[in-house]
Amino acid sequence: MTSPSKLTNLLLGSLLALAATSASVSAATPDRGGTLVRRHCGGCHAVSSTGDSHVPAAPRFRELHKRYDPEVLAEALAEGILTGHPLMPEFRFEPDDVQAIILYLKSLQSKQAG
């Protein structure tokens, strides 16, 4: 039989885990994704809904959906995007950051559709 104090500790631990999970989900926002891509990708790519890439060969993020479904990019963002050219650094993002970037890419796509 479980004692009341053990049950209380188990319940409290479950609530803390749920709160931590809720906090991490809320951290994945399009605004967070926009901040990340401006910081890590904006030096070469056009990362907003307008403008050209600083490096002409670098695809505009608002057009990435023409090549890739944003959800398909999740694994590459988490494990490191490898490209055919040596100038692009390899980035690896944490799961919350990956989700935030995907949300941002989807928001760019919806702005183009509208």
N, C-alpha and C. Protein backbone atom coordinates (compact mmCIF):
# COMPACT_ATOMS: atom_id res chain seq x y z
N MET A 1 0.84 -1.17 0.00
CA MET A 1 0.00 0.00 0.00
C MET A 1 0.89 1.24 0.00
N THR A 2 0.51 2.25 -0.74
CA THR A 2 1.29 3.48 -0.84
C THR A 2 0.90 4.43 0.28
N SER A 3 1.91 4.98 0.96
CA SER A 3 1.63 5.90 2.05
C SER A 3 1.15 7.24 1.48
N PRO A 4 0.41 8.01 2.27
CA PRO A 4 -0.06 9.32 1.79
C PRO A 4 1.07 10.25 1.38
N SER A 5 2.20 10.21 2.08
CA SER A 5 3.30 11.11 1.72
C SER A 5 3.93 10.70 0.39
N LYS A 6 4.02 9.38 0.13
CA LYS A 6 4.55 8.93 -1.16
C LYS A 6 3.60 9.31 -2.29
N LEU A 7 2.31 9.18 -2.04
CA LEU A 7 1.31 9.54 -3.03
C LEU A 7 1.36 11.04 -3.32
N THR A 8 1.52 11.84 -2.28
CA THR A 8 1.64 13.29 -2.44
C THR A 8 2.88 13.63 -3.26
N ASN A 9 4.00 12.98 -2.95
CA ASN A 9 5.23 13.24 -3.70
C ASN A 9 5.10 12.84 -5.16
N LEU A 10 4.44 11.71 -5.40
CA LEU A 10 4.22 11.26 -6.77
C LEU A 10 3.35 12.24 -7.52
N LEU A 11 2.28 12.70 -6.90
CA LEU A 11 1.37 13.66 -7.53
C LEU A 11 2.09 14.97 -7.79
N LEU A 12 2.86 15.45 -6.83
CA LEU A 12 3.60 16.69 -6.99
C LEU A 12 4.62 16.56 -8.12
N GLY A 13 5.31 15.45 -8.17
CA GLY A 13 6.27 15.22 -9.25
C GLY A 13 5.61 15.21 -10.61
N SER A 14 4.44 14.58 -10.69
CA SER A 14 3.69 14.55 -11.95
C SER A 14 3.26 15.94 -12.38
N LEU A 15 2.79 16.73 -11.42
CA LEU A 15 2.37 18.10 -11.74
C LEU A 15 3.55 18.95 -12.20
N LEU A 16 4.70 18.79 -11.56
CA LEU A 16 5.89 19.54 -11.98
C LEU A 16 6.33 19.13 -13.38
N ALA A 17 6.27 17.84 -13.69
CA ALA A 17 6.63 17.38 -15.04
C ALA A 17 5.66 17.93 -16.07
N LEU A 18 4.38 17.95 -15.74
CA LEU A 18 3.38 18.50 -16.65
C LEU A 18 3.61 19.99 -16.87
N ALA A 19 3.92 20.71 -15.81
CA ALA A 19 4.18 22.15 -15.93
C ALA A 19 5.41 22.41 -16.79
N ALA A 20 6.45 21.61 -16.62
CA ALA A 20 7.66 21.77 -17.43
C ALA A 20 7.37 21.49 -18.89
N THR A 21 6.57 20.46 -19.16
CA THR A 21 6.20 20.14 -20.54
C THR A 21 5.38 21.27 -21.14
N SER A 22 4.44 21.82 -20.40
CA SER A 22 3.62 22.92 -20.89
C SER A 22 4.48 24.14 -21.18
N ALA A 23 5.46 24.41 -20.32
CA ALA A 23 6.33 25.56 -20.54
C ALA A 23 7.15 25.38 -21.79
N SER A 24 7.65 24.16 -22.04
CA SER A 24 8.48 23.97 -23.22
C SER A 24 7.65 24.04 -24.50
N VAL A 25 6.41 23.59 -24.46
CA VAL A 25 5.56 23.69 -25.64
C VAL A 25 5.29 25.15 -25.95
N SER A 26 5.03 25.96 -24.92
CA SER A 26 4.72 27.35 -25.16
C SER A 26 5.95 28.12 -25.64
N ALA A 27 7.16 27.59 -25.43
CA ALA A 27 8.37 28.25 -25.89
C ALA A 27 8.52 28.15 -27.40
N ALA A 28 7.83 27.20 -28.01
CA ALA A 28 7.92 27.01 -29.46
C ALA A 28 6.87 27.89 -30.13
N THR A 29 7.27 29.11 -30.46
CA THR A 29 6.37 30.05 -31.12
C THR A 29 6.98 30.52 -32.42
N PRO A 30 6.15 31.00 -33.35
CA PRO A 30 6.72 31.56 -34.59
C PRO A 30 7.68 32.72 -34.31
N ASP A 31 7.39 33.54 -33.30
CA ASP A 31 8.30 34.65 -32.98
C ASP A 31 9.68 34.12 -32.56
N ARG A 32 9.68 33.07 -31.76
CA ARG A 32 10.96 32.46 -31.34
C ARG A 32 11.69 31.91 -32.57
N GLY A 33 10.94 31.24 -33.45
CA GLY A 33 11.54 30.72 -34.68
C GLY A 33 12.12 31.82 -35.55
N GLY A 34 11.40 32.94 -35.64
CA GLY A 34 11.91 34.08 -36.42
C GLY A 34 13.20 34.62 -35.85
N THR A 35 13.27 34.70 -34.53
CA THR A 35 14.50 35.17 -33.87
C THR A 35 15.66 34.23 -34.19
N LEU A 36 15.41 32.93 -34.13
CA LEU A 36 16.47 31.95 -34.41
C LEU A 36 16.95 32.03 -35.84
N VAL A 37 16.03 32.10 -36.80
CA VAL A 37 16.48 32.11 -38.20
C VAL A 37 17.14 33.43 -38.56
N ARG A 38 16.70 34.54 -37.95
CA ARG A 38 17.40 35.80 -38.22
C ARG A 38 18.83 35.72 -37.70
N ARG A 39 18.99 35.14 -36.51
CA ARG A 39 20.32 35.05 -35.88
C ARG A 39 21.24 34.09 -36.64
N HIS A 40 20.74 32.92 -36.99
CA HIS A 40 21.60 31.87 -37.54
C HIS A 40 21.62 31.80 -39.06
N CYS A 41 20.59 32.31 -39.70
CA CYS A 41 20.45 32.10 -41.14
C CYS A 41 20.39 33.41 -41.94
N GLY A 42 20.03 34.50 -41.26
CA GLY A 42 19.79 35.77 -41.93
C GLY A 42 21.00 36.40 -42.59
N GLY A 43 22.19 35.95 -42.27
CA GLY A 43 23.39 36.50 -42.90
C GLY A 43 23.48 36.15 -44.38
N CYS A 44 22.87 35.04 -44.77
CA CYS A 44 22.91 34.60 -46.16
C CYS A 44 21.51 34.55 -46.80
N HIS A 45 20.52 34.08 -46.03
CA HIS A 45 19.17 33.86 -46.56
C HIS A 45 18.25 35.04 -46.28
N ALA A 46 17.29 35.24 -47.18
CA ALA A 46 16.16 36.13 -46.88
C ALA A 46 15.24 35.33 -45.97
N VAL A 47 15.06 35.78 -44.74
CA VAL A 47 14.31 35.01 -43.76
C VAL A 47 12.96 35.65 -43.42
N SER A 48 12.62 36.72 -44.10
CA SER A 48 11.33 37.37 -43.83
C SER A 48 10.41 37.21 -45.03
N SER A 49 9.27 37.85 -44.96
CA SER A 49 8.27 37.71 -46.03
C SER A 49 8.59 38.55 -47.25
N THR A 50 9.63 39.38 -47.18
CA THR A 50 10.05 40.20 -48.31
C THR A 50 11.57 40.20 -48.39
N GLY A 51 12.09 40.71 -49.49
CA GLY A 51 13.52 40.90 -49.64
C GLY A 51 14.23 39.72 -50.29
N ASP A 52 15.46 39.99 -50.71
CA ASP A 52 16.29 38.98 -51.35
C ASP A 52 17.36 38.50 -50.39
N SER A 53 17.85 37.30 -50.66
CA SER A 53 18.93 36.75 -49.86
C SER A 53 20.21 37.54 -50.10
N HIS A 54 21.03 37.68 -49.06
CA HIS A 54 22.31 38.37 -49.19
C HIS A 54 23.25 37.59 -50.10
N VAL A 55 23.13 36.29 -50.09
CA VAL A 55 23.89 35.41 -50.99
C VAL A 55 22.89 34.92 -52.03
N PRO A 56 23.05 35.32 -53.28
CA PRO A 56 22.04 34.99 -54.30
C PRO A 56 21.67 33.51 -54.39
N ALA A 57 22.60 32.61 -54.15
CA ALA A 57 22.31 31.18 -54.26
C ALA A 57 21.54 30.64 -53.04
N ALA A 58 21.45 31.43 -51.98
CA ALA A 58 20.77 30.99 -50.75
C ALA A 58 19.26 31.16 -50.93
N PRO A 59 18.50 30.08 -50.83
CA PRO A 59 17.06 30.20 -51.05
C PRO A 59 16.38 31.10 -50.02
N ARG A 60 15.35 31.80 -50.48
CA ARG A 60 14.53 32.62 -49.58
C ARG A 60 13.68 31.68 -48.73
N PHE A 61 13.64 31.94 -47.43
CA PHE A 61 12.87 31.06 -46.55
C PHE A 61 11.39 31.07 -46.87
N ARG A 62 10.87 32.18 -47.36
CA ARG A 62 9.45 32.23 -47.69
C ARG A 62 9.09 31.35 -48.87
N GLU A 63 10.13 30.84 -49.57
CA GLU A 63 9.90 29.96 -50.72
C GLU A 63 10.34 28.51 -50.46
N LEU A 64 10.81 28.23 -49.26
CA LEU A 64 11.26 26.87 -48.96
C LEU A 64 10.15 25.84 -49.12
N HIS A 65 8.92 26.23 -48.86
CA HIS A 65 7.79 25.28 -48.97
C HIS A 65 7.62 24.77 -50.40
N LYS A 66 8.20 25.47 -51.38
CA LYS A 66 8.14 24.99 -52.77
C LYS A 66 9.06 23.78 -52.97
N ARG A 67 10.07 23.68 -52.11
CA ARG A 67 11.02 22.56 -52.18
C ARG A 67 10.75 21.49 -51.13
N TYR A 68 10.36 21.93 -49.93
CA TYR A 68 10.23 21.03 -48.79
C TYR A 68 8.98 21.39 -47.99
N ASP A 69 8.29 20.38 -47.49
CA ASP A 69 7.27 20.61 -46.49
C ASP A 69 8.03 20.99 -45.22
N PRO A 70 7.64 22.08 -44.55
CA PRO A 70 8.39 22.48 -43.35
C PRO A 70 8.56 21.37 -42.32
N GLU A 71 7.56 20.49 -42.18
CA GLU A 71 7.66 19.40 -41.21
C GLU A 71 8.81 18.44 -41.54
N VAL A 72 9.11 18.29 -42.83
CA VAL A 72 10.18 17.39 -43.27
C VAL A 72 11.54 17.92 -42.82
N LEU A 73 11.64 19.21 -42.62
CA LEU A 73 12.92 19.81 -42.21
C LEU A 73 13.24 19.58 -40.74
N ALA A 74 12.28 19.10 -39.95
CA ALA A 74 12.49 18.95 -38.51
C ALA A 74 13.70 18.08 -38.20
N GLU A 75 13.81 16.93 -38.83
CA GLU A 75 14.92 16.03 -38.55
C GLU A 75 16.26 16.66 -38.91
N ALA A 76 16.30 17.33 -40.06
CA ALA A 76 17.55 17.97 -40.47
C ALA A 76 17.94 19.09 -39.51
N LEU A 77 16.95 19.84 -39.02
CA LEU A 77 17.25 20.91 -38.08
C LEU A 77 17.77 20.36 -36.75
N ALA A 78 17.27 19.21 -36.35
CA ALA A 78 17.69 18.61 -35.08
C ALA A 78 19.05 17.91 -35.21
N GLU A 79 19.30 17.28 -36.35
CA GLU A 79 20.52 16.49 -36.51
C GLU A 79 21.64 17.26 -37.21
N GLY A 80 21.31 18.35 -37.85
CA GLY A 80 22.31 19.14 -38.56
C GLY A 80 22.06 19.10 -40.05
N ILE A 81 21.86 20.27 -40.63
CA ILE A 81 21.63 20.35 -42.07
C ILE A 81 22.97 20.29 -42.78
N LEU A 82 23.11 19.34 -43.67
CA LEU A 82 24.32 19.23 -44.48
C LEU A 82 23.95 19.64 -45.89
N THR A 83 24.77 20.50 -46.48
CA THR A 83 24.48 20.97 -47.83
C THR A 83 25.62 20.62 -48.76
N GLY A 84 25.39 20.87 -50.03
CA GLY A 84 26.39 20.59 -51.04
C GLY A 84 27.45 21.67 -51.17
N HIS A 85 27.33 22.73 -50.40
CA HIS A 85 28.36 23.77 -50.48
C HIS A 85 29.01 23.98 -49.11
N PRO A 86 30.29 24.28 -49.12
CA PRO A 86 31.05 24.32 -47.86
C PRO A 86 30.83 25.59 -47.03
N LEU A 87 30.22 26.63 -47.58
CA LEU A 87 30.10 27.88 -46.85
C LEU A 87 29.00 27.86 -45.78
N MET A 88 28.02 26.98 -45.95
CA MET A 88 26.93 26.94 -44.98
C MET A 88 27.37 26.14 -43.76
N PRO A 89 27.32 26.79 -42.59
CA PRO A 89 27.68 26.06 -41.37
C PRO A 89 26.61 25.02 -41.04
N GLU A 90 26.99 24.04 -40.25
CA GLU A 90 26.04 23.02 -39.81
C GLU A 90 25.45 23.46 -38.48
N PHE A 91 24.13 23.56 -38.43
CA PHE A 91 23.44 23.93 -37.21
C PHE A 91 22.67 22.73 -36.69
N ARG A 92 22.62 22.63 -35.36
CA ARG A 92 21.78 21.64 -34.70
C ARG A 92 20.94 22.39 -33.67
N PHE A 93 19.64 22.19 -33.71
CA PHE A 93 18.75 22.89 -32.81
C PHE A 93 18.07 21.92 -31.85
N GLU A 94 17.74 22.41 -30.67
CA GLU A 94 17.00 21.65 -29.68
C GLU A 94 15.56 21.46 -30.16
N PRO A 95 14.86 20.44 -29.65
CA PRO A 95 13.50 20.15 -30.12
C PRO A 95 12.54 21.35 -30.07
N ASP A 96 12.57 22.13 -28.99
CA ASP A 96 11.69 23.31 -28.92
C ASP A 96 12.04 24.32 -30.00
N ASP A 97 13.33 24.48 -30.26
CA ASP A 97 13.76 25.42 -31.28
C ASP A 97 13.38 24.92 -32.68
N VAL A 98 13.49 23.62 -32.90
CA VAL A 98 13.08 23.04 -34.18
C VAL A 98 11.60 23.34 -34.42
N GLN A 99 10.77 23.09 -33.42
CA GLN A 99 9.34 23.34 -33.56
C GLN A 99 9.07 24.82 -33.81
N ALA A 100 9.79 25.70 -33.13
CA ALA A 100 9.61 27.14 -33.32
C ALA A 100 9.99 27.55 -34.75
N ILE A 101 11.07 26.99 -35.28
CA ILE A 101 11.48 27.31 -36.65
C ILE A 101 10.43 26.82 -37.64
N ILE A 102 9.91 25.63 -37.43
CA ILE A 102 8.87 25.10 -38.33
C ILE A 102 7.64 26.00 -38.28
N LEU A 103 7.24 26.41 -37.09
CA LEU A 103 6.08 27.31 -36.98
C LEU A 103 6.35 28.62 -37.72
N TYR A 104 7.57 29.13 -37.62
CA TYR A 104 7.91 30.36 -38.33
C TYR A 104 7.86 30.15 -39.84
N LEU A 105 8.42 29.05 -40.33
CA LEU A 105 8.39 28.77 -41.77
C LEU A 105 6.95 28.65 -42.26
N LYS A 106 6.10 28.01 -41.48
CA LYS A 106 4.69 27.89 -41.85
C LYS A 106 4.02 29.27 -41.88
N SER A 107 4.41 30.14 -40.95
CA SER A 107 3.83 31.48 -40.93
C SER A 107 4.25 32.26 -42.17
N LEU A 108 5.48 32.08 -42.62
CA LEU A 108 5.92 32.73 -43.87
C LEU A 108 5.12 32.20 -45.06
N GLN A 109 4.90 30.91 -45.08
CA GLN A 109 4.16 30.29 -46.16
C GLN A 109 2.73 30.84 -46.19
N SER A 110 2.10 30.98 -45.05
CA SER A 110 0.73 31.47 -45.02
C SER A 110 0.66 32.93 -45.43
N LYS A 111 1.70 33.71 -45.13
CA LYS A 111 1.73 35.12 -45.57
C LYS A 111 1.82 35.20 -47.09
N GLN A 112 2.54 34.27 -47.69
CA GLN A 112 2.66 34.25 -49.16
C GLN A 112 1.36 33.82 -49.82
N ALA A 113 0.63 32.93 -49.16
CA ALA A 113 -0.62 32.44 -49.72
C ALA A 113 -1.71 33.51 -49.65
N GLY A 114 -1.61 34.42 -48.65
CA GLY A 114 -2.66 35.42 -48.42
C GLY A 114 -2.54 36.65 -49.22
